[in-house]
Amino acid sequence: RLLEEVLLLVRNQVELRCQIIRKIVLSIKNIKMS
């Protein structure tokens, strides 16, 4: 039970970081293009 909740939390954190990294990468690409 507790383990499942911890896994869910970790997964959410990882997804959030992935989204942030993706945004940063897109921003960098946009800056280089312009």
N, C-alpha and C. Protein backbone atom coordinates (compact mmCIF):
# COMPACT_ATOMS: atom_id res chain seq x y z
N ARG A 1 0.84 -1.20 0.00
CA ARG A 1 0.00 0.00 0.00
C ARG A 1 0.88 1.25 0.00
N LEU A 2 1.71 1.34 1.00
CA LEU A 2 2.61 2.50 1.08
C LEU A 2 3.55 2.51 -0.12
N LEU A 3 4.04 1.36 -0.48
CA LEU A 3 4.97 1.26 -1.61
C LEU A 3 4.31 1.78 -2.89
N GLU A 4 3.06 1.42 -3.08
CA GLU A 4 2.35 1.88 -4.29
C GLU A 4 2.27 3.40 -4.32
N GLU A 5 1.96 3.98 -3.16
CA GLU A 5 1.86 5.45 -3.11
C GLU A 5 3.20 6.10 -3.40
N VAL A 6 4.25 5.52 -2.85
CA VAL A 6 5.59 6.08 -3.09
C VAL A 6 5.93 5.99 -4.58
N LEU A 7 5.61 4.86 -5.18
CA LEU A 7 5.90 4.69 -6.61
C LEU A 7 5.13 5.70 -7.44
N LEU A 8 3.87 5.95 -7.05
CA LEU A 8 3.08 6.95 -7.78
C LEU A 8 3.72 8.32 -7.66
N LEU A 9 4.14 8.66 -6.46
CA LEU A 9 4.78 9.96 -6.24
C LEU A 9 6.03 10.09 -7.09
N VAL A 10 6.84 9.06 -7.08
CA VAL A 10 8.09 9.10 -7.85
C VAL A 10 7.78 9.26 -9.34
N ARG A 11 6.80 8.52 -9.80
CA ARG A 11 6.46 8.60 -11.22
C ARG A 11 6.01 10.02 -11.57
N ASN A 12 5.20 10.61 -10.71
CA ASN A 12 4.74 11.98 -10.97
C ASN A 12 5.92 12.94 -11.03
N GLN A 13 6.85 12.78 -10.10
CA GLN A 13 8.03 13.66 -10.09
C GLN A 13 8.82 13.50 -11.39
N VAL A 14 9.00 12.26 -11.80
CA VAL A 14 9.76 12.01 -13.03
C VAL A 14 9.06 12.63 -14.24
N GLU A 15 7.74 12.48 -14.30
CA GLU A 15 7.01 13.05 -15.44
C GLU A 15 7.13 14.56 -15.46
N LEU A 16 7.05 15.16 -14.26
CA LEU A 16 7.18 16.62 -14.18
C LEU A 16 8.54 17.05 -14.68
N ARG A 17 9.58 16.36 -14.24
CA ARG A 17 10.94 16.73 -14.67
C ARG A 17 11.08 16.57 -16.18
N CYS A 18 10.51 15.51 -16.72
CA CYS A 18 10.60 15.29 -18.17
C CYS A 18 9.93 16.44 -18.91
N GLN A 19 8.77 16.87 -18.42
CA GLN A 19 8.07 17.98 -19.07
C GLN A 19 8.91 19.24 -19.03
N ILE A 20 9.51 19.52 -17.88
CA ILE A 20 10.34 20.72 -17.72
C ILE A 20 11.53 20.66 -18.67
N ILE A 21 12.19 19.51 -18.70
CA ILE A 21 13.36 19.35 -19.57
C ILE A 21 12.95 19.54 -21.03
N ARG A 22 11.79 18.99 -21.39
CA ARG A 22 11.33 19.11 -22.77
C ARG A 22 11.11 20.58 -23.12
N LYS A 23 10.50 21.32 -22.18
CA LYS A 23 10.25 22.76 -22.43
C LYS A 23 11.56 23.50 -22.59
N ILE A 24 12.53 23.17 -21.75
CA ILE A 24 13.83 23.85 -21.82
C ILE A 24 14.49 23.55 -23.17
N VAL A 25 14.44 22.30 -23.57
CA VAL A 25 15.06 21.92 -24.85
C VAL A 25 14.38 22.66 -26.00
N LEU A 26 13.05 22.74 -25.95
CA LEU A 26 12.34 23.46 -27.01
C LEU A 26 12.73 24.93 -27.01
N SER A 27 12.86 25.51 -25.83
CA SER A 27 13.23 26.92 -25.73
C SER A 27 14.61 27.14 -26.34
N ILE A 28 15.54 26.26 -26.02
CA ILE A 28 16.90 26.39 -26.54
C ILE A 28 16.88 26.28 -28.07
N LYS A 29 16.10 25.33 -28.58
CA LYS A 29 16.02 25.18 -30.04
C LYS A 29 15.46 26.45 -30.67
N ASN A 30 14.43 27.01 -30.05
CA ASN A 30 13.82 28.24 -30.58
C ASN A 30 14.84 29.37 -30.59
N ILE A 31 15.62 29.49 -29.53
CA ILE A 31 16.62 30.55 -29.44
C ILE A 31 17.68 30.37 -30.54
N LYS A 32 18.09 29.13 -30.75
CA LYS A 32 19.12 28.89 -31.77
C LYS A 32 18.58 29.16 -33.17
N MET A 33 17.30 28.85 -33.39
CA MET A 33 16.71 29.06 -34.71
C MET A 33 16.62 30.54 -35.04
N SER A 34 16.26 31.34 -34.08
CA SER A 34 16.03 32.76 -34.34
C SER A 34 17.30 33.58 -34.36
